[in-house]
Each structure stands twice: as C-alpha cells, then as structure tokens.
Amino acid sequence: MTPEPRRPLVFFHAGLGKVASTYLQKRVFPALDGICYIPRDRFRSHSRIVARAEHDRYLISRECGKRLQPRLEEIHRFYPDARILLFFRRHDEWIASHYRRYVKNGGVRDLDGYLDLDGDDGIWTRDQLEYMPMIERVRQRFGRDPFVLTYDRLRADGDDFNRRLADYLGATIDPSRLRTEPVHASYAVARLARLRRINRHLGLAEPEIAGPTGGTRAGHRRLRLARSYLLLGAAGLLKPDPDPREALTPRAVIERIREYYADDWRSVVAFEAAQFDG
C-alpha cells in the first residue's frame, strides 16, 4: 500500500496592520531560507501553490486588521493544521498609528471619536483592540496557541526578533538578503494636524467605513490616495498648530487608552515571554 504523501506545514501570518506587517512582508520574509514564502500579492493563489507540495513548509502573509476572524476561518478551511503568527503593538501606539493613517486618508474625527471608550461609537470599537480574545480565537479554531511577538521586541532588538521568528518557522535568515531600512516614511504630525483641518473644511466622507467592493473599491481607493497626497501638499501651506502632537493625539487621550488596555497588554507580554521561558 502506497503511503499518502506528507502534507506541507503551513504558517499564516495574520497581520494586524501598523505592527510592521509591510516591513516583514517586504524585508524579512523574503530573506528566509528553508520555507517557501507566498507574498501578499499572490495570496489568492495560496491554495494552488501549497497543493503542488514542492516544499515542506509554506509561509502565507496577509494583513487582516478588522477582518481577522474571516481570514482565520478562510485559512482553517484550507489548512486546519496551520500555525498562526500574531504580532502585537501596545494599544495606545497601535491605535494612534491607525489614526494617523485615517487622517491622511481624509478622516475628520478626533482621536477619542475614532476610538470612543465611553459610548463605544467610534470607527474602532473597544473590543476590536482586545488582544487576548484574538489569541483565544486562534486557540479555539486551530487547537493550538498562536506564535506571538511584540513590536517592542522588534524595536528593542531586531536581530533577536528575527531569530525567534525564524526558529519558530524552522527556517534561517540569509543576512545577504535581509534589508533593514523602513518601508514607509511616516508623515509629520504637524502636517497631519493641518490636513485634518482641511478634511473638516471639505466635509470629506469617512474613510475606514464600508464602501464599494471589488474593482470599484480598488479604483475608489486609488482616487482617495491621490486626493490625500494633494491635500497633504496643501496642508504644508497652512499655519501650524502651536503643539501639533497635542492637537492630533492628545496626551490625556493616549494615556487613557494605555490604561484602559493595560491588563490586556500585560497578559500579551506575559504570553510572549512564556513561549521562550517555558
């Protein structure tokens, strides 16, 4: 009797956005040896690529954001034994980074309206920033814990971060192919604060709210990005705020978000440490 061919081992990086996902996809994952990386622009073909079984291990990466649960369900349908990778950033830093992109794309709300901790009527809801339930959803669906790393570890020691990642994947990193420069340059807070004033004056439609789908959505996104870059240029002509960082991401709001999710963050840090100390 001929034994069934061994199925490849599949790893899925569920990128949450603003946690160095693009950096990993463009700089780190392509430098891995010992595993076949399927880049995000080939995500739709992942099942055909894995089915060919030309490699023992495959790494699939896709940004999920608010679509984490549907992405997990999709991956589970194809690969019920997949290993899931989740990377987290402290809540206040994470939502502040999302907020800056929101303003760049035409957003008009204040930060405490973007994430409304009181009435839960923001563009992001309170539970969408809870990390330990994300870990639990992976555990329930796949029957094992995800592999977790934090943005703090990457920022403190990128070599250590990469080594731990490669070890988990059963791979190695080729230093000659590893590029460490940032993928995207951040926009100046002062310019974003001025851009928000323009957005409000123009009464732009809210980004990050469900709109067109399919090809229409892609075209709409390109037009919105073109508009954003034009308005960013115009924002440079306005008089700056006296304290632009305080105007855009007030310290009191940031500190409140940090405190609100402090227990959740401590649990994530402890979970990360236990993977290596246990």
Foldseek 3Di string as FASTA:
>chain_A
DDDDDDQAAEEEEAAQPPLCQVVCLPFPVVQKPQEAEDGPVCLVVVLVVRVVVPHRYYYYYDYQHLNLVVVLVVVCVRPLQYAYEYEEEQLLSRLLVVLLVQLLLQDQDASCQCEVPPPQNHLDGPVSSQDVVSQVVCCVRNVDGHQYDYSVCCVVDVVVVSVVVQVVRVIDGDVVRGDDDDPDDDDDLQLSLLSSVVSVVVVDDGPSDDDDDDPVVVVVSVVSNVVSVVSSVVSVVDDTDPDSCCSRRNPVNSVVSSVVCVVSVVVSVVVNVVVPPD
